[in-house]
């Protein structure tokens, strides 16, 4: 598979990332958005965006190339290159990303997840559909958006096709307990969209388009 760096400078380029996004909040105020990507221009990888209780925003990425693309699309105060491993196995989510460690359990499919699965996947991930349903998505999941502008003159589309709540989690930051599972509040501020306020795991295809 071609690497994104080959066409990152081309106008009109499009990149798709297929996998899962987990949104986790803790009682200490730490909020994390973890991407577990199976199919991307970079191959399979995982990354974590972390917002500390102070508001400080960090990107934890596995390579400089991945970090460069993500940090050009989203906003961070700090970027760290660390070993990142994340996996979804059944109802278990595990994340090890430098200072961040997560062990979480997901529950049954949500009502919204059931509704999302009723939409044919080819339509559900299409940018035109996602731009059209963006106002509805904002009502269904406050803080979340399906379409918006990103950094470096890019537009981004989130096509969510399934959703499960995270029912329990043990989260640590720099070896210390980050507190019990809690709503993602306030919303994270890495880009135009947050994740649903209730911790969740979404099946998603993200499309990034260079204007």
N, C-alpha and C. Protein backbone atom coordinates (compact mmCIF):
# COMPACT_ATOMS: atom_id res chain seq x y z
N UNK A 1 0.85 -1.19 0.00
CA UNK A 1 0.00 0.00 0.00
C UNK A 1 0.88 1.24 0.00
N UNK A 2 0.52 2.24 -0.79
CA UNK A 2 1.33 3.45 -0.90
C UNK A 2 1.31 4.21 0.42
N UNK A 3 2.40 4.90 0.70
CA UNK A 3 2.47 5.72 1.91
C UNK A 3 1.92 7.10 1.65
N UNK A 4 1.27 7.69 2.65
CA UNK A 4 0.62 8.99 2.49
C UNK A 4 1.62 10.08 2.10
N UNK A 5 2.89 9.93 2.52
CA UNK A 5 3.86 10.96 2.24
C UNK A 5 4.06 11.16 0.75
N UNK A 6 3.74 10.16 -0.05
CA UNK A 6 3.91 10.25 -1.50
C UNK A 6 2.95 11.26 -2.11
N UNK A 7 1.77 11.44 -1.47
CA UNK A 7 0.81 12.37 -2.05
C UNK A 7 0.29 13.38 -1.05
N UNK A 8 0.97 13.56 0.08
CA UNK A 8 0.50 14.51 1.08
C UNK A 8 0.57 15.94 0.57
N UNK A 9 1.38 16.22 -0.44
CA UNK A 9 1.47 17.58 -0.94
C UNK A 9 0.61 17.84 -2.17
N UNK A 10 -0.16 16.84 -2.61
CA UNK A 10 -0.96 16.99 -3.82
C UNK A 10 -2.30 17.61 -3.52
N UNK A 11 -2.72 18.56 -4.33
CA UNK A 11 -4.04 19.15 -4.17
C UNK A 11 -5.09 18.16 -4.65
N UNK A 12 -6.22 18.14 -3.98
CA UNK A 12 -7.28 17.23 -4.38
C UNK A 12 -7.09 15.82 -3.90
N UNK A 13 -6.12 15.57 -3.01
CA UNK A 13 -5.86 14.23 -2.51
C UNK A 13 -6.93 13.81 -1.51
N UNK A 14 -7.10 12.51 -1.38
CA UNK A 14 -8.07 11.94 -0.45
C UNK A 14 -7.43 10.76 0.27
N UNK A 15 -7.64 10.72 1.59
CA UNK A 15 -7.12 9.63 2.41
C UNK A 15 -8.27 9.01 3.19
N UNK A 16 -8.34 7.70 3.26
CA UNK A 16 -9.37 7.04 4.06
C UNK A 16 -8.73 6.18 5.14
N UNK A 17 -9.37 6.18 6.31
CA UNK A 17 -8.90 5.44 7.48
C UNK A 17 -10.07 4.61 7.99
N UNK A 18 -9.92 3.30 7.97
CA UNK A 18 -11.00 2.40 8.34
C UNK A 18 -10.63 1.65 9.62
N UNK A 19 -11.49 1.73 10.63
CA UNK A 19 -11.19 1.04 11.88
C UNK A 19 -12.16 1.39 12.98
N UNK A 20 -11.64 1.67 14.17
CA UNK A 20 -12.46 2.00 15.34
C UNK A 20 -11.92 3.25 16.02
N UNK A 21 -12.83 3.99 16.65
CA UNK A 21 -12.46 5.11 17.52
C UNK A 21 -13.10 4.88 18.89
N UNK A 22 -12.28 4.94 19.93
CA UNK A 22 -12.76 4.81 21.30
C UNK A 22 -12.64 6.16 21.99
N UNK A 23 -13.70 6.59 22.65
CA UNK A 23 -13.68 7.80 23.45
C UNK A 23 -13.79 7.43 24.92
N UNK A 24 -12.82 7.85 25.72
CA UNK A 24 -12.75 7.50 27.14
C UNK A 24 -12.62 8.76 27.98
N UNK A 25 -13.40 8.86 29.05
CA UNK A 25 -13.25 9.94 30.02
C UNK A 25 -13.05 9.36 31.40
N UNK A 26 -12.37 10.10 32.26
CA UNK A 26 -12.15 9.62 33.63
C UNK A 26 -12.52 10.71 34.64
N UNK A 27 -12.68 10.29 35.89
CA UNK A 27 -13.09 11.21 36.95
C UNK A 27 -12.05 12.30 37.21
N UNK A 28 -10.78 12.04 36.86
CA UNK A 28 -9.73 13.05 37.07
C UNK A 28 -9.80 14.17 36.04
N UNK A 29 -10.58 13.96 34.98
CA UNK A 29 -10.66 14.94 33.91
C UNK A 29 -9.84 14.60 32.69
N UNK A 30 -9.09 13.51 32.75
CA UNK A 30 -8.35 13.06 31.58
C UNK A 30 -9.33 12.49 30.56
N UNK A 31 -9.16 12.90 29.30
CA UNK A 31 -10.01 12.39 28.22
C UNK A 31 -9.11 11.88 27.11
N UNK A 32 -9.46 10.74 26.54
CA UNK A 32 -8.63 10.14 25.50
C UNK A 32 -9.50 9.69 24.33
N UNK A 33 -8.99 9.92 23.13
CA UNK A 33 -9.62 9.43 21.91
C UNK A 33 -8.59 8.54 21.22
N UNK A 34 -8.90 7.26 21.13
CA UNK A 34 -7.96 6.28 20.61
C UNK A 34 -8.44 5.80 19.25
N UNK A 35 -7.55 5.83 18.25
CA UNK A 35 -7.86 5.28 16.95
C UNK A 35 -7.18 3.94 16.76
N UNK A 36 -7.95 2.93 16.37
CA UNK A 36 -7.41 1.61 16.07
C UNK A 36 -7.73 1.37 14.60
N UNK A 37 -6.72 1.56 13.74
CA UNK A 37 -6.95 1.61 12.31
C UNK A 37 -6.43 0.36 11.61
N UNK A 38 -7.32 -0.34 10.92
CA UNK A 38 -6.94 -1.56 10.22
C UNK A 38 -6.50 -1.30 8.77
N UNK A 39 -7.07 -0.28 8.13
CA UNK A 39 -6.80 -0.05 6.71
C UNK A 39 -6.63 1.44 6.48
N UNK A 40 -5.40 1.88 6.20
CA UNK A 40 -5.11 3.29 5.98
C UNK A 40 -3.98 3.42 4.96
N UNK A 41 -3.69 4.62 4.48
CA UNK A 41 -2.53 4.80 3.61
C UNK A 41 -1.20 4.50 4.30
N UNK A 42 -1.21 4.43 5.64
CA UNK A 42 -0.01 4.12 6.40
C UNK A 42 0.07 2.65 6.79
N UNK A 43 -0.86 1.84 6.34
CA UNK A 43 -0.99 0.49 6.86
C UNK A 43 -1.79 0.51 8.15
N UNK A 44 -1.79 -0.56 8.90
CA UNK A 44 -2.51 -0.60 10.16
C UNK A 44 -1.67 0.06 11.26
N UNK A 45 -2.33 0.81 12.12
CA UNK A 45 -1.64 1.46 13.23
C UNK A 45 -2.67 1.91 14.26
N UNK A 46 -2.20 2.36 15.40
CA UNK A 46 -3.06 2.95 16.43
C UNK A 46 -2.43 4.25 16.90
N UNK A 47 -3.27 5.17 17.35
CA UNK A 47 -2.79 6.43 17.90
C UNK A 47 -3.71 6.84 19.04
N UNK A 48 -3.27 7.77 19.85
CA UNK A 48 -4.10 8.26 20.95
C UNK A 48 -3.97 9.77 21.05
N UNK A 49 -5.11 10.43 21.15
CA UNK A 49 -5.16 11.86 21.41
C UNK A 49 -5.63 12.02 22.86
N UNK A 50 -4.86 12.72 23.65
CA UNK A 50 -5.15 12.83 25.08
C UNK A 50 -5.27 14.30 25.45
N UNK A 51 -6.33 14.63 26.19
CA UNK A 51 -6.47 15.97 26.75
C UNK A 51 -6.45 15.84 28.26
N UNK A 52 -5.47 16.47 28.88
CA UNK A 52 -5.30 16.39 30.33
C UNK A 52 -6.28 17.31 31.04
N UNK A 53 -6.48 17.13 32.35
CA UNK A 53 -7.39 18.00 33.09
C UNK A 53 -7.08 19.49 32.93
N UNK A 54 -5.82 19.82 32.68
CA UNK A 54 -5.41 21.22 32.49
C UNK A 54 -5.85 21.77 31.14
N UNK A 55 -6.27 20.88 30.24
CA UNK A 55 -6.60 21.28 28.88
C UNK A 55 -5.49 21.00 27.89
N UNK A 56 -4.30 20.65 28.37
CA UNK A 56 -3.15 20.35 27.51
C UNK A 56 -3.47 19.17 26.61
N UNK A 57 -3.21 19.32 25.30
CA UNK A 57 -3.57 18.32 24.31
C UNK A 57 -2.32 17.65 23.76
N UNK A 58 -2.30 16.31 23.84
CA UNK A 58 -1.14 15.55 23.36
C UNK A 58 -1.57 14.55 22.29
N UNK A 59 -0.69 14.37 21.32
CA UNK A 59 -0.83 13.29 20.36
C UNK A 59 0.23 12.25 20.65
N UNK A 60 -0.19 11.01 20.81
CA UNK A 60 0.73 9.88 20.98
C UNK A 60 0.64 9.06 19.70
N UNK A 61 1.71 9.08 18.90
CA UNK A 61 1.69 8.45 17.59
C UNK A 61 2.87 7.49 17.45
N UNK A 62 2.73 6.44 16.60
CA UNK A 62 3.76 5.42 16.52
C UNK A 62 4.95 5.77 15.63
N UNK A 63 4.77 6.69 14.67
CA UNK A 63 5.87 7.08 13.76
C UNK A 63 5.79 8.57 13.48
N UNK A 64 6.90 9.13 13.01
CA UNK A 64 6.91 10.55 12.65
C UNK A 64 6.00 10.82 11.46
N UNK A 65 5.91 9.88 10.54
CA UNK A 65 5.05 10.07 9.38
C UNK A 65 3.59 10.16 9.78
N UNK A 66 3.15 9.23 10.63
CA UNK A 66 1.78 9.27 11.13
C UNK A 66 1.54 10.54 11.93
N UNK A 67 2.48 10.86 12.80
CA UNK A 67 2.35 12.07 13.62
C UNK A 67 2.25 13.32 12.76
N UNK A 68 3.03 13.37 11.69
CA UNK A 68 3.00 14.53 10.82
C UNK A 68 1.66 14.72 10.15
N UNK A 69 1.07 13.62 9.68
CA UNK A 69 -0.24 13.73 9.02
C UNK A 69 -1.32 14.13 10.02
N UNK A 70 -1.35 13.47 11.18
CA UNK A 70 -2.40 13.74 12.16
C UNK A 70 -2.27 15.15 12.72
N UNK A 71 -1.05 15.58 13.02
CA UNK A 71 -0.87 16.91 13.61
C UNK A 71 -1.11 18.02 12.60
N UNK A 72 -1.08 17.70 11.30
CA UNK A 72 -1.43 18.68 10.27
C UNK A 72 -2.94 18.78 10.09
N UNK A 73 -3.66 17.78 10.61
CA UNK A 73 -5.11 17.73 10.46
C UNK A 73 -5.82 18.20 11.72
N UNK A 74 -5.24 17.92 12.90
CA UNK A 74 -5.82 18.28 14.19
C UNK A 74 -4.87 19.24 14.92
N UNK A 75 -5.31 19.73 16.08
CA UNK A 75 -4.52 20.69 16.86
C UNK A 75 -4.05 20.06 18.17
N UNK A 76 -2.75 20.21 18.46
CA UNK A 76 -2.17 19.67 19.68
C UNK A 76 -1.19 20.67 20.27
N UNK A 77 -0.98 20.56 21.57
CA UNK A 77 0.04 21.35 22.24
C UNK A 77 1.37 20.62 22.29
N UNK A 78 1.31 19.30 22.11
CA UNK A 78 2.52 18.47 22.22
C UNK A 78 2.32 17.19 21.41
N UNK A 79 3.37 16.75 20.76
CA UNK A 79 3.34 15.50 19.99
C UNK A 79 4.46 14.60 20.49
N UNK A 80 4.14 13.35 20.80
CA UNK A 80 5.14 12.39 21.24
C UNK A 80 5.11 11.17 20.34
N UNK A 81 6.30 10.70 19.94
CA UNK A 81 6.42 9.46 19.19
C UNK A 81 6.71 8.35 20.20
N UNK A 82 5.78 7.42 20.33
CA UNK A 82 5.90 6.34 21.30
C UNK A 82 5.40 5.04 20.66
N UNK A 83 5.75 3.93 21.26
CA UNK A 83 5.16 2.66 20.83
C UNK A 83 3.68 2.69 21.19
N UNK A 84 2.82 2.42 20.21
CA UNK A 84 1.37 2.41 20.45
C UNK A 84 0.81 1.07 20.00
N UNK A 85 0.17 0.38 20.92
CA UNK A 85 -0.53 -0.85 20.56
C UNK A 85 -1.94 -0.76 21.12
N UNK A 86 -2.91 -1.14 20.30
CA UNK A 86 -4.31 -1.12 20.72
C UNK A 86 -5.04 -2.22 19.98
N UNK A 87 -5.99 -2.83 20.67
CA UNK A 87 -6.73 -3.94 20.06
C UNK A 87 -8.14 -4.00 20.61
N UNK A 88 -9.06 -4.39 19.74
CA UNK A 88 -10.44 -4.68 20.13
C UNK A 88 -10.65 -6.16 19.93
N UNK A 89 -10.87 -6.88 21.02
CA UNK A 89 -11.07 -8.33 20.97
C UNK A 89 -12.36 -8.66 21.69
N UNK A 90 -13.39 -9.02 20.91
CA UNK A 90 -14.68 -9.24 21.53
C UNK A 90 -15.18 -7.96 22.17
N UNK A 91 -15.43 -8.00 23.48
CA UNK A 91 -15.89 -6.81 24.21
C UNK A 91 -14.77 -6.17 25.03
N UNK A 92 -13.52 -6.46 24.66
CA UNK A 92 -12.38 -5.93 25.40
C UNK A 92 -11.56 -4.99 24.54
N UNK A 93 -11.24 -3.82 25.09
CA UNK A 93 -10.37 -2.85 24.44
C UNK A 93 -9.12 -2.70 25.29
N UNK A 94 -7.96 -2.86 24.67
CA UNK A 94 -6.69 -2.67 25.37
C UNK A 94 -5.85 -1.64 24.61
N UNK A 95 -5.24 -0.74 25.36
CA UNK A 95 -4.42 0.31 24.77
C UNK A 95 -3.16 0.47 25.61
N UNK A 96 -2.00 0.47 24.95
CA UNK A 96 -0.73 0.81 25.58
C UNK A 96 -0.05 1.81 24.67
N UNK A 97 0.07 3.05 25.13
CA UNK A 97 0.61 4.12 24.31
C UNK A 97 1.49 5.02 25.16
N UNK A 98 2.73 4.62 25.38
CA UNK A 98 3.63 5.42 26.20
C UNK A 98 3.05 5.64 27.58
N UNK A 99 2.73 6.89 27.95
CA UNK A 99 2.22 7.17 29.30
C UNK A 99 0.78 6.73 29.53
N UNK A 100 0.06 6.36 28.45
CA UNK A 100 -1.36 6.01 28.57
C UNK A 100 -1.57 4.51 28.50
N UNK A 101 -2.35 3.99 29.44
CA UNK A 101 -2.75 2.58 29.40
C UNK A 101 -4.24 2.49 29.70
N UNK A 102 -4.95 1.71 28.91
CA UNK A 102 -6.39 1.55 29.06
C UNK A 102 -6.74 0.07 28.97
N UNK A 103 -7.57 -0.37 29.90
CA UNK A 103 -8.18 -1.70 29.85
C UNK A 103 -9.67 -1.47 30.02
N UNK A 104 -10.43 -1.68 28.95
CA UNK A 104 -11.85 -1.33 28.97
C UNK A 104 -12.70 -2.48 28.48
N UNK A 105 -13.98 -2.44 28.88
CA UNK A 105 -14.97 -3.44 28.47
C UNK A 105 -16.13 -2.70 27.82
N UNK A 106 -16.59 -3.22 26.69
CA UNK A 106 -17.73 -2.62 25.99
C UNK A 106 -18.98 -3.47 26.22
N UNK A 107 -20.13 -2.80 26.13
CA UNK A 107 -21.39 -3.48 26.34
C UNK A 107 -22.09 -3.80 25.03
N UNK A 108 -23.36 -4.04 25.11
CA UNK A 108 -24.15 -4.37 23.94
C UNK A 108 -24.24 -3.16 23.01
N UNK A 109 -24.63 -3.40 21.78
CA UNK A 109 -24.81 -2.33 20.80
C UNK A 109 -25.85 -1.34 21.31
N UNK A 110 -25.60 -0.06 21.11
CA UNK A 110 -26.52 0.98 21.55
C UNK A 110 -27.69 1.10 20.57
N UNK A 111 -28.74 1.81 20.98
CA UNK A 111 -29.86 2.05 20.08
C UNK A 111 -29.41 2.83 18.85
N UNK A 112 -28.51 3.81 19.07
CA UNK A 112 -27.98 4.56 17.94
C UNK A 112 -27.16 3.64 17.03
N UNK A 113 -26.40 2.74 17.64
CA UNK A 113 -25.63 1.78 16.85
C UNK A 113 -26.52 0.91 15.99
N UNK A 114 -27.65 0.49 16.55
CA UNK A 114 -28.61 -0.32 15.78
C UNK A 114 -29.15 0.48 14.60
N UNK A 115 -29.47 1.76 14.84
CA UNK A 115 -29.97 2.61 13.76
C UNK A 115 -28.90 2.83 12.69
N UNK A 116 -27.67 3.00 13.10
CA UNK A 116 -26.59 3.21 12.15
C UNK A 116 -26.38 1.99 11.26
N UNK A 117 -26.52 0.80 11.84
CA UNK A 117 -26.33 -0.42 11.06
C UNK A 117 -27.43 -0.63 10.04
N UNK A 118 -28.55 0.06 10.20
CA UNK A 118 -29.65 -0.07 9.24
C UNK A 118 -29.36 0.67 7.94
N UNK A 119 -28.39 1.59 7.97
CA UNK A 119 -28.02 2.34 6.77
C UNK A 119 -26.98 1.52 6.00
N UNK A 120 -27.19 1.26 4.71
CA UNK A 120 -26.19 0.51 3.94
C UNK A 120 -24.81 1.13 4.08
N UNK A 121 -23.79 0.32 4.34
CA UNK A 121 -22.48 0.86 4.67
C UNK A 121 -21.92 1.74 3.56
N UNK A 122 -22.14 1.37 2.33
CA UNK A 122 -21.61 2.17 1.23
C UNK A 122 -22.15 3.59 1.27
N UNK A 123 -23.41 3.73 1.65
CA UNK A 123 -24.01 5.06 1.81
C UNK A 123 -23.54 5.72 3.09
N UNK A 124 -23.47 4.95 4.17
CA UNK A 124 -23.17 5.51 5.49
C UNK A 124 -21.79 6.16 5.58
N UNK A 125 -20.85 5.75 4.71
CA UNK A 125 -19.49 6.31 4.77
C UNK A 125 -19.22 7.27 3.62
N UNK A 126 -20.23 7.56 2.79
CA UNK A 126 -20.02 8.42 1.63
C UNK A 126 -19.98 9.89 2.07
N UNK A 127 -18.98 10.65 1.63
CA UNK A 127 -18.87 12.05 2.06
C UNK A 127 -20.11 12.90 1.81
N UNK A 128 -20.80 12.72 0.70
CA UNK A 128 -21.99 13.53 0.45
C UNK A 128 -23.09 13.25 1.47
N UNK A 129 -23.28 11.99 1.80
CA UNK A 129 -24.26 11.61 2.82
C UNK A 129 -23.87 12.20 4.16
N UNK A 130 -22.60 12.12 4.50
CA UNK A 130 -22.14 12.59 5.81
C UNK A 130 -22.27 14.11 5.94
N UNK A 131 -22.05 14.83 4.85
CA UNK A 131 -22.25 16.27 4.89
C UNK A 131 -23.73 16.60 5.08
N UNK A 132 -24.60 15.80 4.45
CA UNK A 132 -26.04 16.06 4.53
C UNK A 132 -26.61 15.78 5.92
N UNK A 133 -26.11 14.72 6.58
CA UNK A 133 -26.69 14.32 7.87
C UNK A 133 -25.97 14.97 9.05
N UNK A 134 -25.00 15.83 8.81
CA UNK A 134 -24.24 16.44 9.89
C UNK A 134 -25.12 17.13 10.94
N UNK A 135 -26.16 17.90 10.55
CA UNK A 135 -27.01 18.53 11.57
C UNK A 135 -27.74 17.51 12.45
N UNK A 136 -28.14 16.38 11.86
CA UNK A 136 -28.83 15.33 12.62
C UNK A 136 -27.87 14.67 13.59
N UNK A 137 -26.64 14.43 13.14
CA UNK A 137 -25.63 13.80 13.99
C UNK A 137 -25.36 14.64 15.23
N UNK A 138 -25.36 15.95 15.06
CA UNK A 138 -25.10 16.85 16.19
C UNK A 138 -26.19 16.73 17.26
N UNK A 139 -27.41 16.42 16.83
CA UNK A 139 -28.51 16.24 17.79
C UNK A 139 -28.46 14.87 18.44
N UNK A 140 -28.10 13.85 17.64
CA UNK A 140 -28.09 12.47 18.15
C UNK A 140 -26.95 12.24 19.13
N UNK A 141 -25.81 12.88 18.91
CA UNK A 141 -24.64 12.71 19.78
C UNK A 141 -24.01 14.08 19.98
N UNK A 142 -24.45 14.83 21.02
CA UNK A 142 -23.94 16.18 21.24
C UNK A 142 -22.41 16.24 21.25
N UNK A 143 -21.87 17.18 20.50
CA UNK A 143 -20.43 17.33 20.41
C UNK A 143 -19.82 16.63 19.22
N UNK A 144 -20.51 15.61 18.71
CA UNK A 144 -19.99 14.85 17.58
C UNK A 144 -20.50 15.44 16.27
N UNK A 145 -19.68 15.36 15.24
CA UNK A 145 -20.04 15.85 13.91
C UNK A 145 -19.62 14.80 12.88
N UNK A 146 -20.30 14.80 11.75
CA UNK A 146 -19.92 13.87 10.67
C UNK A 146 -19.14 14.57 9.56
N UNK A 147 -19.09 15.90 9.61
CA UNK A 147 -18.39 16.64 8.56
C UNK A 147 -17.92 17.98 9.12
N UNK A 148 -16.74 18.40 8.68
CA UNK A 148 -16.24 19.71 9.07
C UNK A 148 -14.90 19.99 8.44
N UNK A 149 -14.39 21.19 8.66
CA UNK A 149 -13.09 21.57 8.13
C UNK A 149 -12.01 21.23 9.16
N UNK A 150 -10.87 20.80 8.64
CA UNK A 150 -9.75 20.43 9.50
C UNK A 150 -8.55 21.32 9.16
N UNK A 151 -7.40 21.01 9.74
CA UNK A 151 -6.21 21.81 9.50
C UNK A 151 -5.66 21.62 8.09
N UNK A 152 -4.75 22.49 7.70
CA UNK A 152 -4.04 22.41 6.41
C UNK A 152 -4.98 22.45 5.21
N UNK A 153 -6.12 23.15 5.35
CA UNK A 153 -7.05 23.27 4.24
C UNK A 153 -7.77 21.98 3.90
N UNK A 154 -7.92 21.09 4.87
CA UNK A 154 -8.56 19.80 4.63
C UNK A 154 -10.00 19.80 5.14
N UNK A 155 -10.81 18.94 4.53
CA UNK A 155 -12.15 18.64 5.03
C UNK A 155 -12.16 17.21 5.50
N UNK A 156 -13.00 16.91 6.50
CA UNK A 156 -13.00 15.57 7.09
C UNK A 156 -14.43 15.09 7.25
N UNK A 157 -14.60 13.78 7.00
CA UNK A 157 -15.91 13.14 7.08
C UNK A 157 -15.80 11.90 7.96
N UNK A 158 -16.70 11.78 8.96
CA UNK A 158 -16.72 10.63 9.85
C UNK A 158 -17.94 9.77 9.53
N UNK A 159 -17.71 8.56 9.04
CA UNK A 159 -18.81 7.64 8.76
C UNK A 159 -18.87 6.55 9.81
N UNK A 160 -19.74 6.71 10.80
CA UNK A 160 -19.87 5.73 11.89
C UNK A 160 -20.92 4.70 11.50
N UNK A 161 -20.57 3.42 11.59
CA UNK A 161 -21.49 2.36 11.19
C UNK A 161 -21.89 1.42 12.33
N UNK A 162 -21.34 1.63 13.51
CA UNK A 162 -21.72 0.83 14.68
C UNK A 162 -21.24 1.56 15.93
N UNK A 163 -21.91 1.30 17.06
CA UNK A 163 -21.56 2.00 18.29
C UNK A 163 -21.90 1.15 19.51
N UNK A 164 -20.93 1.00 20.40
CA UNK A 164 -21.12 0.29 21.67
C UNK A 164 -20.65 1.20 22.81
N UNK A 165 -21.39 1.24 23.91
CA UNK A 165 -20.93 1.98 25.07
C UNK A 165 -19.77 1.24 25.72
N UNK A 166 -18.85 1.99 26.31
CA UNK A 166 -17.82 1.43 27.18
C UNK A 166 -18.43 1.37 28.58
N UNK A 167 -18.49 0.18 29.16
CA UNK A 167 -19.18 0.00 30.44
C UNK A 167 -18.25 0.08 31.65
N UNK A 168 -16.98 -0.21 31.45
CA UNK A 168 -16.02 -0.08 32.56
C UNK A 168 -14.63 0.09 31.95
N UNK A 169 -13.75 0.73 32.73
CA UNK A 169 -12.39 0.95 32.24
C UNK A 169 -11.45 1.22 33.40
N UNK A 170 -10.23 0.74 33.26
CA UNK A 170 -9.13 1.09 34.15
C UNK A 170 -8.15 1.87 33.29
N UNK A 171 -7.91 3.12 33.66
CA UNK A 171 -7.07 4.02 32.87
C UNK A 171 -5.93 4.54 33.74
N UNK A 172 -4.72 4.50 33.21
CA UNK A 172 -3.59 5.08 33.95
C UNK A 172 -2.84 6.05 33.04
N UNK A 173 -2.26 7.06 33.67
CA UNK A 173 -1.46 8.05 32.97
C UNK A 173 -0.15 8.22 33.72
N UNK A 174 0.93 7.96 33.02
CA UNK A 174 2.27 7.99 33.62
C UNK A 174 2.34 7.12 34.87
N UNK A 175 1.67 5.97 34.80
CA UNK A 175 1.72 4.99 35.88
C UNK A 175 0.76 5.22 37.02
N UNK A 176 0.03 6.34 37.01
CA UNK A 176 -0.90 6.65 38.09
C UNK A 176 -2.33 6.45 37.63
N UNK A 177 -3.18 6.01 38.53
CA UNK A 177 -4.59 5.80 38.23
C UNK A 177 -5.23 7.13 37.84
N UNK A 178 -5.92 7.15 36.68
CA UNK A 178 -6.54 8.39 36.20
C UNK A 178 -7.97 8.55 36.69
N UNK A 179 -8.46 7.61 37.50
CA UNK A 179 -9.81 7.73 38.03
C UNK A 179 -10.79 6.83 37.31
N UNK A 180 -11.97 6.71 37.89
CA UNK A 180 -12.98 5.81 37.33
C UNK A 180 -13.54 6.39 36.03
N UNK A 181 -14.17 5.53 35.26
CA UNK A 181 -14.78 5.93 34.00
C UNK A 181 -15.81 7.03 34.24
N UNK A 182 -15.79 8.05 33.37
CA UNK A 182 -16.68 9.20 33.53
C UNK A 182 -17.01 9.77 32.16
N UNK A 183 -18.05 10.62 32.09
CA UNK A 183 -18.37 11.27 30.81
C UNK A 183 -17.20 12.08 30.27
N UNK A 184 -17.17 12.22 28.97
CA UNK A 184 -16.13 13.00 28.30
C UNK A 184 -16.60 14.46 28.32
N UNK A 185 -16.26 15.11 29.42
CA UNK A 185 -16.72 16.47 29.66
C UNK A 185 -15.64 17.26 30.39
N UNK A 186 -15.28 18.45 29.87
CA UNK A 186 -15.82 19.04 28.64
C UNK A 186 -15.38 18.28 27.40
N UNK A 187 -16.00 18.59 26.27
CA UNK A 187 -15.65 17.92 25.03
C UNK A 187 -14.18 18.17 24.68
N UNK A 188 -13.57 17.20 24.02
CA UNK A 188 -12.18 17.37 23.60
C UNK A 188 -12.11 18.42 22.49
N UNK A 189 -10.94 19.04 22.34
CA UNK A 189 -10.81 20.16 21.42
C UNK A 189 -9.64 19.97 20.44
N UNK A 190 -9.54 18.77 19.90
CA UNK A 190 -8.49 18.50 18.92
C UNK A 190 -8.87 19.02 17.53
N UNK A 191 -10.18 19.08 17.26
CA UNK A 191 -10.63 19.49 15.94
C UNK A 191 -12.06 19.97 16.01
N UNK A 192 -12.75 19.95 14.88
CA UNK A 192 -14.12 20.46 14.83
C UNK A 192 -15.12 19.56 15.54
N UNK A 193 -14.77 18.28 15.74
CA UNK A 193 -15.69 17.31 16.33
C UNK A 193 -15.11 16.71 17.59
N UNK A 194 -15.98 16.37 18.53
CA UNK A 194 -15.58 15.61 19.69
C UNK A 194 -16.05 14.17 19.48
N UNK A 195 -16.19 13.42 20.54
CA UNK A 195 -16.79 12.09 20.52
C UNK A 195 -18.04 12.18 21.39
N UNK A 196 -18.95 11.19 21.33
CA UNK A 196 -20.13 11.26 22.19
C UNK A 196 -19.74 11.44 23.66
N UNK A 197 -20.55 12.17 24.43
CA UNK A 197 -20.21 12.42 25.84
C UNK A 197 -20.05 11.14 26.66
N UNK A 198 -20.85 10.11 26.34
CA UNK A 198 -20.72 8.85 27.06
C UNK A 198 -19.61 8.02 26.43
N UNK A 199 -18.67 7.50 27.23
CA UNK A 199 -17.59 6.69 26.66
C UNK A 199 -18.12 5.59 25.75
N UNK A 200 -17.47 5.45 24.60
CA UNK A 200 -18.01 4.53 23.59
C UNK A 200 -16.91 4.04 22.66
N UNK A 201 -17.26 3.01 21.90
CA UNK A 201 -16.39 2.47 20.86
C UNK A 201 -17.18 2.45 19.57
N UNK A 202 -16.68 3.14 18.55
CA UNK A 202 -17.39 3.27 17.28
C UNK A 202 -16.62 2.58 16.17
N UNK A 203 -17.36 1.93 15.30
CA UNK A 203 -16.79 1.44 14.03
C UNK A 203 -16.91 2.59 13.05
N UNK A 204 -15.80 2.94 12.37
CA UNK A 204 -15.81 4.19 11.63
C UNK A 204 -14.91 4.13 10.40
N UNK A 205 -15.30 4.87 9.40
CA UNK A 205 -14.42 5.19 8.29
C UNK A 205 -14.28 6.71 8.23
N UNK A 206 -13.04 7.18 8.35
CA UNK A 206 -12.76 8.61 8.26
C UNK A 206 -12.16 8.91 6.90
N UNK A 207 -12.71 9.90 6.24
CA UNK A 207 -12.20 10.35 4.94
C UNK A 207 -11.71 11.78 5.09
N UNK A 208 -10.45 12.01 4.71
CA UNK A 208 -9.85 13.33 4.74
C UNK A 208 -9.58 13.76 3.31
N UNK A 209 -10.05 14.95 2.96
CA UNK A 209 -9.91 15.45 1.60
C UNK A 209 -9.15 16.76 1.61
N UNK A 210 -8.14 16.86 0.76
CA UNK A 210 -7.41 18.11 0.61
C UNK A 210 -8.14 19.03 -0.35
N UNK A 211 -8.45 20.22 0.10
CA UNK A 211 -9.18 21.15 -0.75
C UNK A 211 -8.32 21.62 -1.92
